[in-house]
Amino acid sequence: MTDIPPGDARDFLRGIISRNGEREDGRSFKVIVHMTREEALKIWAAKRWLDVYREWGVGIEETDFTIDNVRKFLGELIDVLKGQKGAEEMTITLNRRGLLILTDAELQLDRFCIARSFPEKKNWKGKK
């Protein structure tokens, strides 16, 4: 499916989240994330891996944003990045809500990586 493993996509999202934490005063904010084309592909890979995770019928972790909401948000980010086709440096703008959604995406990818590390488990059914 992709040459980018889910752990790399997860780690990329984790890096964005850790560098852009909440402000101390609690006010809303926006951040602009600059990335190379190769890094932008990791957002695409994150969405693709979450598609696979959802298709497994896995009992998705309870988070503030469902896996469908996360996948939709990542799709919107991908559309923004596609609009910058040909640019050496690509950017996305995230607000607090966007960072919270990325946090949930990172959590879902982390759980997916854990599930993949146990290939003998074929039935990961649980809460939906």
N, C-alpha and C. Protein backbone atom coordinates (compact mmCIF):
# COMPACT_ATOMS: atom_id res chain seq x y z
N MET A 1 0.83 -1.19 0.00
CA MET A 1 0.00 0.00 0.00
C MET A 1 0.87 1.25 0.00
N THR A 2 1.79 1.33 0.92
CA THR A 2 2.64 2.51 0.99
C THR A 2 4.01 2.10 1.51
N ASP A 3 5.01 2.85 1.11
CA ASP A 3 6.36 2.56 1.60
C ASP A 3 6.60 3.16 2.98
N ILE A 4 5.67 3.96 3.46
CA ILE A 4 5.82 4.61 4.76
C ILE A 4 5.11 3.75 5.80
N PRO A 5 5.85 3.18 6.75
CA PRO A 5 5.21 2.36 7.78
C PRO A 5 4.34 3.21 8.71
N PRO A 6 3.34 2.60 9.34
CA PRO A 6 2.46 3.37 10.21
C PRO A 6 3.20 4.03 11.37
N GLY A 7 4.27 3.41 11.85
CA GLY A 7 5.04 4.00 12.93
C GLY A 7 5.68 5.31 12.54
N ASP A 8 6.15 5.41 11.29
CA ASP A 8 6.74 6.67 10.81
C ASP A 8 5.69 7.76 10.70
N ALA A 9 4.50 7.41 10.20
CA ALA A 9 3.41 8.39 10.10
C ALA A 9 3.01 8.85 11.50
N ARG A 10 2.89 7.91 12.42
CA ARG A 10 2.55 8.24 13.81
C ARG A 10 3.59 9.17 14.41
N ASP A 11 4.86 8.85 14.22
CA ASP A 11 5.94 9.67 14.80
C ASP A 11 5.95 11.08 14.21
N PHE A 12 5.61 11.22 12.92
CA PHE A 12 5.55 12.54 12.31
C PHE A 12 4.45 13.37 12.97
N LEU A 13 3.26 12.76 13.14
CA LEU A 13 2.17 13.48 13.81
C LEU A 13 2.56 13.81 15.25
N ARG A 14 3.20 12.88 15.92
CA ARG A 14 3.64 13.09 17.30
C ARG A 14 4.59 14.28 17.39
N GLY A 15 5.47 14.43 16.40
CA GLY A 15 6.40 15.56 16.36
C GLY A 15 5.67 16.89 16.22
N ILE A 16 4.67 16.94 15.34
CA ILE A 16 3.89 18.16 15.17
C ILE A 16 3.21 18.53 16.48
N ILE A 17 2.62 17.54 17.14
CA ILE A 17 1.90 17.78 18.39
C ILE A 17 2.83 18.26 19.48
N SER A 18 3.98 17.61 19.62
CA SER A 18 4.88 17.95 20.72
C SER A 18 5.52 19.33 20.54
N ARG A 19 5.74 19.75 19.31
CA ARG A 19 6.33 21.07 19.07
C ARG A 19 5.33 22.19 19.17
N ASN A 20 4.05 21.88 19.14
CA ASN A 20 3.01 22.91 19.11
C ASN A 20 1.98 22.69 20.21
N GLY A 21 2.46 22.62 21.44
CA GLY A 21 1.57 22.41 22.57
C GLY A 21 0.68 23.61 22.84
N GLU A 22 -0.23 23.44 23.78
CA GLU A 22 -1.15 24.51 24.11
C GLU A 22 -0.43 25.68 24.77
N ARG A 23 -0.98 26.86 24.57
CA ARG A 23 -0.43 28.06 25.19
C ARG A 23 -0.73 28.04 26.67
N GLU A 24 0.14 28.64 27.45
CA GLU A 24 -0.04 28.66 28.90
C GLU A 24 -1.27 29.45 29.32
N ASP A 25 -1.61 30.50 28.57
CA ASP A 25 -2.75 31.33 28.95
C ASP A 25 -4.09 30.75 28.48
N GLY A 26 -4.05 29.63 27.75
CA GLY A 26 -5.27 28.95 27.32
C GLY A 26 -5.99 29.62 26.15
N ARG A 27 -5.42 30.70 25.62
CA ARG A 27 -6.07 31.37 24.48
C ARG A 27 -5.91 30.54 23.22
N SER A 28 -6.82 30.79 22.30
CA SER A 28 -6.74 30.04 21.04
C SER A 28 -5.55 30.54 20.23
N PHE A 29 -5.11 29.72 19.32
CA PHE A 29 -3.93 30.03 18.54
C PHE A 29 -3.99 29.28 17.21
N LYS A 30 -3.12 29.68 16.32
CA LYS A 30 -2.94 28.96 15.06
C LYS A 30 -1.45 28.75 14.87
N VAL A 31 -1.10 27.62 14.31
CA VAL A 31 0.29 27.35 13.98
C VAL A 31 0.37 26.99 12.50
N ILE A 32 1.47 27.36 11.90
CA ILE A 32 1.72 26.99 10.51
C ILE A 32 2.84 25.96 10.53
N VAL A 33 2.56 24.80 9.99
CA VAL A 33 3.52 23.71 9.96
C VAL A 33 4.15 23.67 8.56
N HIS A 34 5.45 23.85 8.51
CA HIS A 34 6.20 23.78 7.25
C HIS A 34 6.78 22.38 7.11
N MET A 35 6.68 21.82 5.91
CA MET A 35 7.18 20.46 5.71
C MET A 35 7.65 20.28 4.28
N THR A 36 8.48 19.27 4.11
CA THR A 36 8.92 18.89 2.77
C THR A 36 7.85 18.02 2.13
N ARG A 37 8.01 17.74 0.85
CA ARG A 37 7.06 16.85 0.16
C ARG A 37 7.07 15.46 0.79
N GLU A 38 8.26 14.99 1.18
CA GLU A 38 8.36 13.66 1.79
C GLU A 38 7.62 13.61 3.12
N GLU A 39 7.71 14.70 3.88
CA GLU A 39 6.99 14.75 5.16
C GLU A 39 5.48 14.84 4.92
N ALA A 40 5.09 15.56 3.89
CA ALA A 40 3.66 15.67 3.56
C ALA A 40 3.09 14.30 3.22
N LEU A 41 3.88 13.44 2.61
CA LEU A 41 3.42 12.08 2.29
C LEU A 41 3.09 11.29 3.56
N LYS A 42 3.70 11.66 4.67
CA LYS A 42 3.42 10.95 5.93
C LYS A 42 2.00 11.24 6.42
N ILE A 43 1.46 12.40 6.10
CA ILE A 43 0.06 12.68 6.44
C ILE A 43 -0.84 11.80 5.59
N TRP A 44 -0.52 11.67 4.30
CA TRP A 44 -1.28 10.78 3.43
C TRP A 44 -1.20 9.34 3.95
N ALA A 45 0.00 8.92 4.35
CA ALA A 45 0.18 7.56 4.86
C ALA A 45 -0.62 7.36 6.15
N ALA A 46 -0.66 8.38 7.00
CA ALA A 46 -1.44 8.27 8.25
C ALA A 46 -2.90 8.00 7.93
N LYS A 47 -3.44 8.72 6.97
CA LYS A 47 -4.84 8.50 6.62
C LYS A 47 -5.05 7.10 6.03
N ARG A 48 -4.13 6.67 5.16
CA ARG A 48 -4.25 5.34 4.56
C ARG A 48 -4.19 4.24 5.62
N TRP A 49 -3.28 4.38 6.59
CA TRP A 49 -3.18 3.37 7.64
C TRP A 49 -4.41 3.38 8.54
N LEU A 50 -4.97 4.56 8.78
CA LEU A 50 -6.20 4.62 9.57
C LEU A 50 -7.37 4.00 8.80
N ASP A 51 -7.34 4.11 7.47
CA ASP A 51 -8.35 3.42 6.66
C ASP A 51 -8.27 1.91 6.88
N VAL A 52 -7.05 1.39 6.88
CA VAL A 52 -6.85 -0.05 7.10
C VAL A 52 -7.32 -0.43 8.51
N TYR A 53 -6.94 0.38 9.49
CA TYR A 53 -7.31 0.11 10.88
C TYR A 53 -8.83 0.06 11.02
N ARG A 54 -9.52 0.99 10.38
CA ARG A 54 -10.98 1.02 10.46
C ARG A 54 -11.59 -0.20 9.77
N GLU A 55 -11.02 -0.59 8.63
CA GLU A 55 -11.54 -1.75 7.90
C GLU A 55 -11.39 -3.04 8.69
N TRP A 56 -10.43 -3.09 9.58
CA TRP A 56 -10.25 -4.28 10.41
C TRP A 56 -11.46 -4.50 11.31
N GLY A 57 -12.27 -3.47 11.50
CA GLY A 57 -13.40 -3.60 12.42
C GLY A 57 -12.94 -3.58 13.86
N VAL A 58 -11.82 -2.95 14.08
CA VAL A 58 -11.22 -2.92 15.41
C VAL A 58 -12.07 -2.10 16.36
N GLY A 59 -12.08 -2.48 17.62
CA GLY A 59 -12.72 -1.67 18.64
C GLY A 59 -11.89 -0.42 18.83
N ILE A 60 -12.25 0.62 18.13
CA ILE A 60 -11.48 1.85 18.10
C ILE A 60 -11.49 2.51 19.48
N GLU A 61 -10.33 3.04 19.85
CA GLU A 61 -10.18 3.71 21.14
C GLU A 61 -11.21 4.83 21.26
N GLU A 62 -11.74 5.00 22.44
CA GLU A 62 -12.66 6.11 22.66
C GLU A 62 -11.84 7.37 22.84
N THR A 63 -12.04 8.29 21.93
CA THR A 63 -11.33 9.56 21.97
C THR A 63 -12.35 10.67 21.71
N ASP A 64 -11.92 11.89 21.82
CA ASP A 64 -12.83 13.01 21.59
C ASP A 64 -13.35 13.03 20.15
N PHE A 65 -12.52 12.60 19.21
CA PHE A 65 -12.90 12.58 17.80
C PHE A 65 -12.87 11.14 17.31
N THR A 66 -13.92 10.70 16.67
CA THR A 66 -13.98 9.33 16.18
C THR A 66 -12.96 9.14 15.07
N ILE A 67 -12.69 7.89 14.76
CA ILE A 67 -11.73 7.60 13.69
C ILE A 67 -12.23 8.16 12.36
N ASP A 68 -13.55 8.18 12.15
CA ASP A 68 -14.09 8.75 10.91
C ASP A 68 -13.83 10.26 10.85
N ASN A 69 -13.99 10.95 11.99
CA ASN A 69 -13.71 12.39 12.03
C ASN A 69 -12.23 12.65 11.76
N VAL A 70 -11.38 11.81 12.34
CA VAL A 70 -9.94 11.97 12.16
C VAL A 70 -9.57 11.75 10.70
N ARG A 71 -10.12 10.70 10.08
CA ARG A 71 -9.82 10.41 8.69
C ARG A 71 -10.30 11.54 7.78
N LYS A 72 -11.47 12.11 8.09
CA LYS A 72 -12.00 13.22 7.30
C LYS A 72 -11.07 14.43 7.43
N PHE A 73 -10.61 14.74 8.64
CA PHE A 73 -9.72 15.88 8.86
C PHE A 73 -8.40 15.68 8.12
N LEU A 74 -7.83 14.47 8.19
CA LEU A 74 -6.59 14.21 7.47
C LEU A 74 -6.81 14.35 5.97
N GLY A 75 -7.97 13.93 5.48
CA GLY A 75 -8.30 14.11 4.07
C GLY A 75 -8.34 15.57 3.67
N GLU A 76 -8.87 16.42 4.56
CA GLU A 76 -8.89 17.86 4.30
C GLU A 76 -7.47 18.43 4.25
N LEU A 77 -6.60 17.96 5.16
CA LEU A 77 -5.21 18.40 5.13
C LEU A 77 -4.52 17.97 3.84
N ILE A 78 -4.82 16.77 3.40
CA ILE A 78 -4.25 16.25 2.16
C ILE A 78 -4.70 17.11 0.97
N ASP A 79 -5.97 17.52 0.97
CA ASP A 79 -6.46 18.39 -0.11
C ASP A 79 -5.71 19.72 -0.12
N VAL A 80 -5.44 20.27 1.07
CA VAL A 80 -4.68 21.53 1.14
C VAL A 80 -3.28 21.31 0.58
N LEU A 81 -2.66 20.19 0.94
CA LEU A 81 -1.31 19.90 0.46
C LEU A 81 -1.29 19.65 -1.05
N LYS A 82 -2.33 19.02 -1.58
CA LYS A 82 -2.41 18.79 -3.03
C LYS A 82 -2.48 20.11 -3.78
N GLY A 83 -3.09 21.11 -3.17
CA GLY A 83 -3.18 22.43 -3.79
C GLY A 83 -1.83 23.11 -3.90
N GLN A 84 -0.83 22.59 -3.20
CA GLN A 84 0.51 23.16 -3.23
C GLN A 84 1.44 22.30 -4.08
N LYS A 85 0.86 21.56 -4.99
CA LYS A 85 1.62 20.65 -5.84
C LYS A 85 2.78 21.39 -6.51
N GLY A 86 3.95 20.79 -6.45
CA GLY A 86 5.12 21.37 -7.07
C GLY A 86 5.94 22.25 -6.15
N ALA A 87 5.39 22.64 -5.01
CA ALA A 87 6.15 23.48 -4.08
C ALA A 87 7.19 22.64 -3.35
N GLU A 88 8.36 23.24 -3.13
CA GLU A 88 9.40 22.51 -2.38
C GLU A 88 9.04 22.42 -0.91
N GLU A 89 8.50 23.52 -0.38
CA GLU A 89 8.09 23.53 1.03
C GLU A 89 6.58 23.68 1.07
N MET A 90 5.93 22.80 1.79
CA MET A 90 4.48 22.82 1.89
C MET A 90 4.09 23.24 3.29
N THR A 91 2.90 23.85 3.43
CA THR A 91 2.45 24.30 4.75
C THR A 91 1.00 23.93 4.98
N ILE A 92 0.70 23.71 6.23
CA ILE A 92 -0.68 23.58 6.68
C ILE A 92 -0.84 24.47 7.90
N THR A 93 -2.02 24.96 8.12
CA THR A 93 -2.32 25.79 9.28
C THR A 93 -3.24 25.01 10.19
N LEU A 94 -2.87 24.94 11.45
CA LEU A 94 -3.66 24.20 12.44
C LEU A 94 -4.05 25.12 13.58
N ASN A 95 -5.28 24.98 14.04
CA ASN A 95 -5.71 25.66 15.25
C ASN A 95 -5.75 24.64 16.38
N ARG A 96 -6.23 25.05 17.53
CA ARG A 96 -6.27 24.14 18.68
C ARG A 96 -7.07 22.88 18.37
N ARG A 97 -8.22 23.03 17.73
CA ARG A 97 -9.04 21.87 17.39
C ARG A 97 -8.28 20.92 16.46
N GLY A 98 -7.59 21.48 15.47
CA GLY A 98 -6.81 20.65 14.56
C GLY A 98 -5.73 19.86 15.27
N LEU A 99 -5.07 20.51 16.23
CA LEU A 99 -4.04 19.79 17.00
C LEU A 99 -4.66 18.70 17.87
N LEU A 100 -5.86 18.95 18.40
CA LEU A 100 -6.54 17.91 19.18
C LEU A 100 -6.91 16.72 18.30
N ILE A 101 -7.34 16.99 17.08
CA ILE A 101 -7.66 15.90 16.15
C ILE A 101 -6.39 15.13 15.80
N LEU A 102 -5.28 15.83 15.57
CA LEU A 102 -4.02 15.15 15.29
C LEU A 102 -3.58 14.29 16.47
N THR A 103 -3.87 14.76 17.68
CA THR A 103 -3.54 13.97 18.88
C THR A 103 -4.32 12.66 18.86
N ASP A 104 -5.60 12.73 18.50
CA ASP A 104 -6.39 11.50 18.41
C ASP A 104 -5.91 10.62 17.26
N ALA A 105 -5.50 11.21 16.15
CA ALA A 105 -4.96 10.43 15.03
C ALA A 105 -3.70 9.70 15.47
N GLU A 106 -2.85 10.39 16.21
CA GLU A 106 -1.61 9.77 16.70
C GLU A 106 -1.93 8.61 17.64
N LEU A 107 -2.93 8.78 18.50
CA LEU A 107 -3.33 7.71 19.42
C LEU A 107 -3.85 6.50 18.64
N GLN A 108 -4.70 6.76 17.64
CA GLN A 108 -5.25 5.66 16.84
C GLN A 108 -4.14 4.92 16.09
N LEU A 109 -3.19 5.67 15.53
CA LEU A 109 -2.07 5.03 14.82
C LEU A 109 -1.19 4.24 15.78
N ASP A 110 -1.03 4.74 16.99
CA ASP A 110 -0.25 4.02 17.98
C ASP A 110 -0.91 2.68 18.30
N ARG A 111 -2.21 2.68 18.48
CA ARG A 111 -2.94 1.44 18.75
C ARG A 111 -2.86 0.49 17.55
N PHE A 112 -2.91 1.06 16.35
CA PHE A 112 -2.79 0.25 15.15
C PHE A 112 -1.42 -0.42 15.10
N CYS A 113 -0.36 0.32 15.43
CA CYS A 113 0.99 -0.25 15.44
C CYS A 113 1.09 -1.39 16.46
N ILE A 114 0.46 -1.21 17.60
CA ILE A 114 0.45 -2.26 18.62
C ILE A 114 -0.27 -3.50 18.08
N ALA A 115 -1.43 -3.29 17.47
CA ALA A 115 -2.20 -4.42 16.93
C ALA A 115 -1.42 -5.15 15.85
N ARG A 116 -0.71 -4.40 15.01
CA ARG A 116 0.08 -5.02 13.93
C ARG A 116 1.25 -5.84 14.47
N SER A 117 1.69 -5.53 15.67
CA SER A 117 2.83 -6.25 16.23
C SER A 117 2.43 -7.64 16.73
N PHE A 118 1.13 -7.96 16.69
CA PHE A 118 0.65 -9.28 17.07
C PHE A 118 -0.09 -9.90 15.88
N PRO A 119 0.66 -10.37 14.87
CA PRO A 119 0.00 -10.87 13.66
C PRO A 119 -0.85 -12.12 13.89
N GLU A 120 -0.60 -12.83 14.98
CA GLU A 120 -1.41 -14.03 15.22
C GLU A 120 -2.84 -13.69 15.61
N LYS A 121 -3.07 -12.47 16.05
CA LYS A 121 -4.43 -12.03 16.38
C LYS A 121 -5.11 -11.62 15.07
N LYS A 122 -6.12 -12.34 14.70
CA LYS A 122 -6.81 -12.02 13.45
C LYS A 122 -8.13 -11.32 13.70
N ASN A 123 -8.70 -11.49 14.86
CA ASN A 123 -10.00 -10.92 15.16
C ASN A 123 -9.84 -9.90 16.27
N TRP A 124 -9.84 -8.65 15.90
CA TRP A 124 -9.67 -7.56 16.87
C TRP A 124 -10.99 -6.85 17.12
N LYS A 125 -12.09 -7.57 17.06
CA LYS A 125 -13.40 -6.95 17.25
C LYS A 125 -13.51 -6.42 18.69
N GLY A 126 -14.22 -5.37 18.82
CA GLY A 126 -14.44 -4.76 20.13
C GLY A 126 -15.51 -3.71 20.01
N LYS A 127 -15.45 -2.71 20.89
CA LYS A 127 -16.42 -1.61 20.84
C LYS A 127 -16.26 -0.85 19.54
N LYS A 128 -17.36 -0.42 19.00
CA LYS A 128 -17.31 0.42 17.78
C LYS A 128 -17.85 1.77 18.09
